Amino acid sequence: MHRITKAGRPGSVGNTVIASVTVVALCSGVWLVRSGTESHPPPQPSAAQSGTGSAARQSVPALRHSPPERIRIPSIGVDAPLMGLGLTPQGSLDVPPAEQKNLAGWYEAGTTPGERGTAIVAGHVDNTEGPAVFYGLGALRKGSAIEVARRDGGTAHFTVDAVEVYDARDFPDDKVYGAAPRPELRVITCGGGYSRTTGYQGNVVVFAHLTGGG
C-alpha cells in the first residue's frame, strides 16, 4: 500500500511525498486467475511512451483549490466518478471499493488536480468480474488528453507527458510523488509482470501536466 507523508509548509494540502509504494489492494488480478486469461493481461506501455520531457513543456497557470468529481480519458474510454481517498489505520493510501469497477479515487489530503503541485489519482485495473476503470491505462500515449471535472464547475485539462511501468521493488517514489513546481497529475494502476500467487508485480503510471482549464 502507499504510505504517505506530506511535504511543504505545515497545514498545506499541496505537494505530497509517498514514501513506500506497493499497491496490494489494486493489484490482486483475481479476474485473470478465475477467467483463465493470464496470457492476456492489461496493455502495458511501450518504451516509446516513457520519459516525461517536462523541461521542454510549459503548463498554464495553476487553478484554485477545488476537489475533483470526475475523470475522463477519451482515448481509452474512461469516464468515471472520483471519490476521496484517505489513509488506512496503518498509514497507507486507501483504495476505491473493488466491486465498483467504474470508480477511481484521488488523495484528498494532497493537491487537487489543477492546483500547483502533484495530484494523485488511483484506480483498479480489474476486479473479480473483469476489467475495471484503468484496465486500458497502459495503452495511453504521449499527448493524450485527460480531463478532470471539478466541484467549482470547471474542468482541468491535462496533457500526457509519459506512460511508464515500474516493478514494485524499484518504484521511483520521488519521481512519481515528489513535489512539482507546476500543476501535474499522476494516474496510477497495476501492471508489469503477473503471477498467480502474488498478482501484478508493479504499477503503470501516467505523468501529465495542466494545459488548460478554468
C-alpha atoms as a PDB file:
ATOM      1  CA  MET A   1       0.000   0.000   0.000  1.00  0.00           C
ATOM      2  CA  HIS A   2       1.000   3.648  -0.211  1.00  0.00           C
ATOM      3  CA  ARG A   3       2.498   5.090   2.971  1.00  0.00           C
ATOM      4  CA  ILE A   4       2.179   8.859   2.822  1.00  0.00           C
ATOM      5  CA  THR A   5       3.856  11.872   4.362  1.00  0.00           C
ATOM      6  CA  LYS A   6       3.171  15.449   3.385  1.00  0.00           C
ATOM      7  CA  ALA A   7       5.785  17.878   2.127  1.00  0.00           C
ATOM      8  CA  GLY A   8       5.743  21.662   2.139  1.00  0.00           C
ATOM      9  CA  ARG A   9       4.630  24.191   4.727  1.00  0.00           C
ATOM     10  CA  PRO A  10       2.704  22.949   7.789  1.00  0.00           C
ATOM     11  CA  GLY A  11      -1.011  22.568   7.138  1.00  0.00           C
ATOM     12  CA  SER A  12      -0.560  22.661   3.378  1.00  0.00           C
ATOM     13  CA  VAL A  13      -2.611  20.363   1.165  1.00  0.00           C
ATOM     14  CA  GLY A  14      -0.271  20.957  -1.729  1.00  0.00           C
ATOM     15  CA  ASN A  15       2.552  18.690  -2.842  1.00  0.00           C
ATOM     16  CA  THR A  16       2.755  15.162  -1.468  1.00  0.00           C
ATOM     17  CA  VAL A  17       5.520  12.672  -0.991  1.00  0.00           C
ATOM     18  CA  ILE A  18       4.604   8.990  -0.773  1.00  0.00           C
ATOM     19  CA  ALA A  19       7.407   7.072   0.821  1.00  0.00           C
ATOM     20  CA  SER A  20       6.604   3.387   0.356  1.00  0.00           C
ATOM     21  CA  VAL A  21       4.711   2.003  -2.597  1.00  0.00           C
ATOM     22  CA  THR A  22       3.155  -1.421  -3.064  1.00  0.00           C
ATOM     23  CA  VAL A  23      -0.409  -1.175  -4.343  1.00  0.00           C
ATOM     24  CA  VAL A  24      -1.553  -4.501  -2.929  1.00  0.00           C
ATOM     25  CA  ALA A  25      -5.269  -3.738  -2.886  1.00  0.00           C
ATOM     26  CA  LEU A  26      -5.249  -2.619  -6.521  1.00  0.00           C
ATOM     27  CA  CYS A  27      -3.137  -5.455  -7.852  1.00  0.00           C
ATOM     28  CA  SER A  28      -4.536  -8.860  -6.986  1.00  0.00           C
ATOM     29  CA  GLY A  29      -5.525  -9.825 -10.526  1.00  0.00           C
ATOM     30  CA  VAL A  30      -8.191 -12.235  -9.260  1.00  0.00           C
ATOM     31  CA  TRP A  31     -10.135 -11.979 -12.515  1.00  0.00           C
ATOM     32  CA  LEU A  32      -7.158 -13.183 -14.578  1.00  0.00           C
ATOM     33  CA  VAL A  33      -6.919 -16.320 -12.446  1.00  0.00           C
ATOM     34  CA  ARG A  34     -10.632 -17.091 -12.452  1.00  0.00           C
ATOM     35  CA  SER A  35     -11.121 -16.447 -16.160  1.00  0.00           C
ATOM     36  CA  GLY A  36      -8.008 -18.304 -17.271  1.00  0.00           C
ATOM     37  CA  THR A  37      -6.776 -15.274 -19.251  1.00  0.00           C
ATOM     38  CA  GLU A  38      -3.342 -14.900 -17.687  1.00  0.00           C
ATOM     39  CA  SER A  39      -1.865 -14.792 -21.177  1.00  0.00           C
ATOM     40  CA  HIS A  40      -3.935 -11.682 -21.995  1.00  0.00           C
ATOM     41  CA  PRO A  41      -3.126  -9.151 -19.270  1.00  0.00           C
ATOM     42  CA  PRO A  42      -3.906  -5.418 -19.485  1.00  0.00           C
ATOM     43  CA  PRO A  43      -1.940  -3.415 -22.069  1.00  0.00           C
ATOM     44  CA  GLN A  44       1.482  -2.223 -20.938  1.00  0.00           C
ATOM     45  CA  PRO A  45       3.220   0.980 -22.090  1.00  0.00           C
ATOM     46  CA  SER A  46       5.978   0.659 -24.651  1.00  0.00           C
ATOM     47  CA  ALA A  47       9.423   2.214 -24.295  1.00  0.00           C
ATOM     48  CA  ALA A  48       8.356   4.857 -26.809  1.00  0.00           C
ATOM     49  CA  GLN A  49       5.909   6.283 -24.268  1.00  0.00           C
ATOM     50  CA  SER A  50       8.464   6.667 -21.464  1.00  0.00           C
ATOM     51  CA  GLY A  51      10.347   9.809 -20.450  1.00  0.00           C
ATOM     52  CA  THR A  52       8.474  12.860 -19.243  1.00  0.00           C
ATOM     53  CA  GLY A  53      10.276  15.537 -21.249  1.00  0.00           C
ATOM     54  CA  SER A  54       8.849  18.026 -18.782  1.00  0.00           C
ATOM     55  CA  ALA A  55      11.581  20.633 -19.184  1.00  0.00           C
ATOM     56  CA  ALA A  56      10.502  21.350 -22.743  1.00  0.00           C
ATOM     57  CA  ARG A  57       6.809  21.711 -21.982  1.00  0.00           C
ATOM     58  CA  GLN A  58       5.088  24.693 -20.413  1.00  0.00           C
ATOM     59  CA  SER A  59       1.923  24.480 -18.375  1.00  0.00           C
ATOM     60  CA  VAL A  60      -0.750  27.126 -17.914  1.00  0.00           C
ATOM     61  CA  PRO A  61      -1.234  28.987 -14.606  1.00  0.00           C
ATOM     62  CA  ALA A  62      -2.461  26.865 -11.736  1.00  0.00           C
ATOM     63  CA  LEU A  63      -6.141  26.702 -10.870  1.00  0.00           C
ATOM     64  CA  ARG A  64      -7.501  27.426  -7.425  1.00  0.00           C
ATOM     65  CA  HIS A  65      -8.284  24.658  -4.962  1.00  0.00           C
ATOM     66  CA  SER A  66     -11.381  22.667  -5.913  1.00  0.00           C
ATOM     67  CA  PRO A  67     -11.982  18.967  -5.299  1.00  0.00           C
ATOM     68  CA  PRO A  68     -12.311  16.800  -8.413  1.00  0.00           C
ATOM     69  CA  GLU A  69     -15.523  14.955  -9.204  1.00  0.00           C
ATOM     70  CA  ARG A  70     -14.890  13.016 -12.404  1.00  0.00           C
ATOM     71  CA  ILE A  71     -12.024  11.872 -14.627  1.00  0.00           C
ATOM     72  CA  ARG A  72     -12.284  11.386 -18.376  1.00  0.00           C
ATOM     73  CA  ILE A  73      -9.635   9.902 -20.669  1.00  0.00           C
ATOM     74  CA  PRO A  74     -11.355   9.838 -24.076  1.00  0.00           C
ATOM     75  CA  SER A  75      -8.723   7.863 -25.979  1.00  0.00           C
ATOM     76  CA  ILE A  76      -9.150   4.803 -23.740  1.00  0.00           C
ATOM     77  CA  GLY A  77     -12.845   5.226 -22.936  1.00  0.00           C
ATOM     78  CA  VAL A  78     -12.538   6.282 -19.295  1.00  0.00           C
ATOM     79  CA  ASP A  79     -15.401   8.331 -17.856  1.00  0.00           C
ATOM     80  CA  ALA A  80     -15.604   7.725 -14.129  1.00  0.00           C
ATOM     81  CA  PRO A  81     -16.538   9.465 -10.895  1.00  0.00           C
ATOM     82  CA  LEU A  82     -13.837  10.221  -8.350  1.00  0.00           C
ATOM     83  CA  MET A  83     -14.078   9.549  -4.641  1.00  0.00           C
ATOM     84  CA  GLY A  84     -11.785  10.952  -1.984  1.00  0.00           C
ATOM     85  CA  LEU A  85      -9.147   8.589  -0.622  1.00  0.00           C
ATOM     86  CA  GLY A  86      -7.699   8.889   2.837  1.00  0.00           C
ATOM     87  CA  LEU A  87      -5.305   6.772   4.855  1.00  0.00           C
ATOM     88  CA  THR A  88      -5.880   3.415   6.480  1.00  0.00           C
ATOM     89  CA  PRO A  89      -5.066   2.969  10.183  1.00  0.00           C
ATOM     90  CA  GLN A  90      -1.718   1.559   9.034  1.00  0.00           C
ATOM     91  CA  GLY A  91      -0.868   4.812   7.254  1.00  0.00           C
ATOM     92  CA  SER A  92      -1.379   3.506   3.731  1.00  0.00           C
ATOM     93  CA  LEU A  93      -3.432   5.073   0.962  1.00  0.00           C
ATOM     94  CA  ASP A  94      -6.922   3.620   0.871  1.00  0.00           C
ATOM     95  CA  VAL A  95      -8.414   2.456  -2.442  1.00  0.00           C
ATOM     96  CA  PRO A  96     -11.862   2.600  -4.059  1.00  0.00           C
ATOM     97  CA  PRO A  97     -14.202  -0.329  -3.363  1.00  0.00           C
ATOM     98  CA  ALA A  98     -13.149  -3.143  -5.689  1.00  0.00           C
ATOM     99  CA  GLU A  99     -16.747  -4.087  -6.510  1.00  0.00           C
ATOM    100  CA  GLN A 100     -17.333  -0.668  -8.125  1.00  0.00           C
ATOM    101  CA  LYS A 101     -15.290  -1.187 -11.270  1.00  0.00           C
ATOM    102  CA  ASN A 102     -16.001   2.219 -12.832  1.00  0.00           C
ATOM    103  CA  LEU A 103     -14.790   4.265  -9.878  1.00  0.00           C
ATOM    104  CA  ALA A 104     -11.433   5.955  -9.281  1.00  0.00           C
ATOM    105  CA  GLY A 105     -10.097   7.868  -6.307  1.00  0.00           C
ATOM    106  CA  TRP A 106      -7.849  10.825  -5.522  1.00  0.00           C
ATOM    107  CA  TYR A 107      -5.709  11.544  -2.471  1.00  0.00           C
ATOM    108  CA  GLU A 108      -7.862  14.201  -0.851  1.00  0.00           C
ATOM    109  CA  ALA A 109      -5.275  15.345   1.715  1.00  0.00           C
ATOM    110  CA  GLY A 110      -2.983  16.349  -1.138  1.00  0.00           C
ATOM    111  CA  THR A 111      -3.109  18.581  -4.186  1.00  0.00           C
ATOM    112  CA  THR A 112      -6.397  18.898  -6.073  1.00  0.00           C
ATOM    113  CA  PRO A 113      -5.985  18.319  -9.832  1.00  0.00           C
ATOM    114  CA  GLY A 114      -5.188  21.684 -11.424  1.00  0.00           C
ATOM    115  CA  GLU A 115      -3.508  23.186  -8.368  1.00  0.00           C
ATOM    116  CA  ARG A 116       0.233  23.771  -8.273  1.00  0.00           C
ATOM    117  CA  GLY A 117       1.844  20.512  -7.208  1.00  0.00           C
ATOM    118  CA  THR A 118       1.396  16.806  -7.823  1.00  0.00           C
ATOM    119  CA  ALA A 119      -2.154  15.451  -7.710  1.00  0.00           C
ATOM    120  CA  ILE A 120      -2.648  11.705  -7.302  1.00  0.00           C
ATOM    121  CA  VAL A 121      -5.421   9.576  -8.854  1.00  0.00           C
ATOM    122  CA  ALA A 122      -5.565   5.786  -8.478  1.00  0.00           C
ATOM    123  CA  GLY A 123      -7.930   3.052  -9.582  1.00  0.00           C
ATOM    124  CA  HIS A 124      -8.255  -0.675 -10.051  1.00  0.00           C
ATOM    125  CA  VAL A 125      -7.103  -2.432 -13.194  1.00  0.00           C
ATOM    126  CA  ASP A 126      -9.615  -5.258 -12.700  1.00  0.00           C
ATOM    127  CA  ASN A 127     -11.829  -6.959 -10.156  1.00  0.00           C
ATOM    128  CA  THR A 128     -13.384 -10.396  -9.809  1.00  0.00           C
ATOM    129  CA  GLU A 129     -15.833  -9.664 -12.642  1.00  0.00           C
ATOM    130  CA  GLY A 130     -13.372  -8.377 -15.239  1.00  0.00           C
ATOM    131  CA  PRO A 131     -11.632  -5.175 -16.378  1.00  0.00           C
ATOM    132  CA  ALA A 132     -12.041  -2.145 -14.137  1.00  0.00           C
ATOM    133  CA  VAL A 133     -11.717   1.617 -14.626  1.00  0.00           C
ATOM    134  CA  PHE A 134      -7.995   1.786 -15.524  1.00  0.00           C
ATOM    135  CA  TYR A 135      -7.643  -1.530 -17.359  1.00  0.00           C
ATOM    136  CA  GLY A 136      -6.577   0.310 -20.528  1.00  0.00           C
ATOM    137  CA  LEU A 137      -4.237   2.808 -18.862  1.00  0.00           C
ATOM    138  CA  GLY A 138      -1.114   1.162 -20.266  1.00  0.00           C
ATOM    139  CA  ALA A 139      -2.365   1.826 -23.819  1.00  0.00           C
ATOM    140  CA  LEU A 140      -2.375   5.600 -23.275  1.00  0.00           C
ATOM    141  CA  ARG A 141       0.085   7.564 -25.418  1.00  0.00           C
ATOM    142  CA  LYS A 142       2.078  10.779 -25.058  1.00  0.00           C
ATOM    143  CA  GLY A 143      -0.004  13.796 -25.999  1.00  0.00           C
ATOM    144  CA  SER A 144      -3.290  12.182 -24.978  1.00  0.00           C
ATOM    145  CA  ALA A 145      -5.834  14.285 -23.115  1.00  0.00           C
ATOM    146  CA  ILE A 146      -7.056  13.796 -19.561  1.00  0.00           C
ATOM    147  CA  GLU A 147      -9.972  15.860 -18.254  1.00  0.00           C
ATOM    148  CA  VAL A 148     -10.834  16.283 -14.588  1.00  0.00           C
ATOM    149  CA  ALA A 149     -14.205  17.841 -13.809  1.00  0.00           C
ATOM    150  CA  ARG A 150     -14.070  19.918 -10.627  1.00  0.00           C
ATOM    151  CA  ARG A 151     -16.594  20.826  -7.959  1.00  0.00           C
ATOM    152  CA  ASP A 152     -16.347  24.520  -8.895  1.00  0.00           C
ATOM    153  CA  GLY A 153     -17.907  23.701 -12.284  1.00  0.00           C
ATOM    154  CA  GLY A 154     -14.661  23.944 -14.221  1.00  0.00           C
ATOM    155  CA  THR A 155     -12.551  21.290 -15.899  1.00  0.00           C
ATOM    156  CA  ALA A 156      -8.801  20.835 -15.581  1.00  0.00           C
ATOM    157  CA  HIS A 157      -7.298  19.742 -18.900  1.00  0.00           C
ATOM    158  CA  PHE A 158      -4.070  17.745 -18.755  1.00  0.00           C
ATOM    159  CA  THR A 159      -1.736  16.505 -21.490  1.00  0.00           C
ATOM    160  CA  VAL A 160       0.108  13.218 -21.049  1.00  0.00           C
ATOM    161  CA  ASP A 161       3.905  13.534 -20.944  1.00  0.00           C
ATOM    162  CA  ALA A 162       4.730   9.868 -20.430  1.00  0.00           C
ATOM    163  CA  VAL A 163       3.328   6.468 -19.548  1.00  0.00           C
ATOM    164  CA  GLU A 164       5.691   4.157 -17.701  1.00  0.00           C
ATOM    165  CA  VAL A 165       5.617   0.815 -15.926  1.00  0.00           C
ATOM    166  CA  TYR A 166       7.686   0.035 -12.823  1.00  0.00           C
ATOM    167  CA  ASP A 167       8.405  -3.093 -10.866  1.00  0.00           C
ATOM    168  CA  ALA A 168       7.119  -2.638  -7.331  1.00  0.00           C
ATOM    169  CA  ARG A 169      10.613  -3.296  -5.942  1.00  0.00           C
ATOM    170  CA  ASP A 170      12.080  -0.421  -7.956  1.00  0.00           C
ATOM    171  CA  PHE A 171       9.249   2.103  -7.795  1.00  0.00           C
ATOM    172  CA  PRO A 172      10.698   5.657  -8.106  1.00  0.00           C
ATOM    173  CA  ASP A 173       8.819   7.351  -5.271  1.00  0.00           C
ATOM    174  CA  ASP A 174      10.354  10.799  -5.722  1.00  0.00           C
ATOM    175  CA  LYS A 175       9.784  10.849  -9.481  1.00  0.00           C
ATOM    176  CA  VAL A 176       6.160   9.817  -9.200  1.00  0.00           C
ATOM    177  CA  TYR A 177       5.047  11.530  -5.998  1.00  0.00           C
ATOM    178  CA  GLY A 178       7.579  14.291  -5.416  1.00  0.00           C
ATOM    179  CA  ALA A 179       6.724  17.988  -5.241  1.00  0.00           C
ATOM    180  CA  ALA A 180       6.232  19.765  -8.581  1.00  0.00           C
ATOM    181  CA  PRO A 181       6.600  23.493  -9.332  1.00  0.00           C
ATOM    182  CA  ARG A 182       3.634  23.442 -11.729  1.00  0.00           C
ATOM    183  CA  PRO A 183       0.241  21.659 -11.798  1.00  0.00           C
ATOM    184  CA  GLU A 184       0.861  17.990 -12.548  1.00  0.00           C
ATOM    185  CA  LEU A 185      -1.162  14.794 -12.381  1.00  0.00           C
ATOM    186  CA  ARG A 186      -0.273  11.155 -11.805  1.00  0.00           C
ATOM    187  CA  VAL A 187      -2.739   8.399 -12.684  1.00  0.00           C
ATOM    188  CA  ILE A 188      -1.802   5.011 -11.259  1.00  0.00           C
ATOM    189  CA  THR A 189      -2.966   1.432 -11.576  1.00  0.00           C
ATOM    190  CA  CYS A 190      -1.386  -2.020 -11.528  1.00  0.00           C
ATOM    191  CA  GLY A 191       0.736  -3.521 -14.252  1.00  0.00           C
ATOM    192  CA  GLY A 192       4.009  -5.165 -15.061  1.00  0.00           C
ATOM    193  CA  GLY A 193       4.542  -8.884 -14.684  1.00  0.00           C
ATOM    194  CA  TYR A 194       1.777 -11.080 -13.333  1.00  0.00           C
ATOM    195  CA  SER A 195       1.866 -14.091 -11.016  1.00  0.00           C
ATOM    196  CA  ARG A 196      -0.993 -16.311  -9.838  1.00  0.00           C
ATOM    197  CA  THR A 197       0.373 -16.218  -6.304  1.00  0.00           C
ATOM    198  CA  THR A 198       1.161 -12.508  -5.913  1.00  0.00           C
ATOM    199  CA  GLY A 199      -0.904 -10.743  -8.593  1.00  0.00           C
ATOM    200  CA  TYR A 200       0.576  -7.885 -10.602  1.00  0.00           C
ATOM    201  CA  GLN A 201       4.229  -7.171  -9.928  1.00  0.00           C
ATOM    202  CA  GLY A 202       4.269  -3.415 -10.464  1.00  0.00           C
ATOM    203  CA  ASN A 203       2.431  -0.273 -11.489  1.00  0.00           C
ATOM    204  CA  VAL A 204       1.550   1.655 -14.620  1.00  0.00           C
ATOM    205  CA  VAL A 205       1.966   5.394 -14.041  1.00  0.00           C
ATOM    206  CA  VAL A 206       0.762   8.218 -16.282  1.00  0.00           C
ATOM    207  CA  PHE A 207       2.592  11.560 -15.996  1.00  0.00           C
ATOM    208  CA  ALA A 208       0.643  14.608 -17.158  1.00  0.00           C
ATOM    209  CA  HIS A 209       0.681  18.403 -16.774  1.00  0.00           C
ATOM    210  CA  LEU A 210      -2.031  21.057 -16.844  1.00  0.00           C
ATOM    211  CA  THR A 211      -2.614  22.644 -20.249  1.00  0.00           C
ATOM    212  CA  GLY A 212      -5.973  24.355 -19.783  1.00  0.00           C
ATOM    213  CA  GLY A 213      -8.974  24.817 -17.577  1.00  0.00           C
ATOM    214  CA  GLY A 214     -10.995  27.175 -15.511  1.00  0.00           C
END
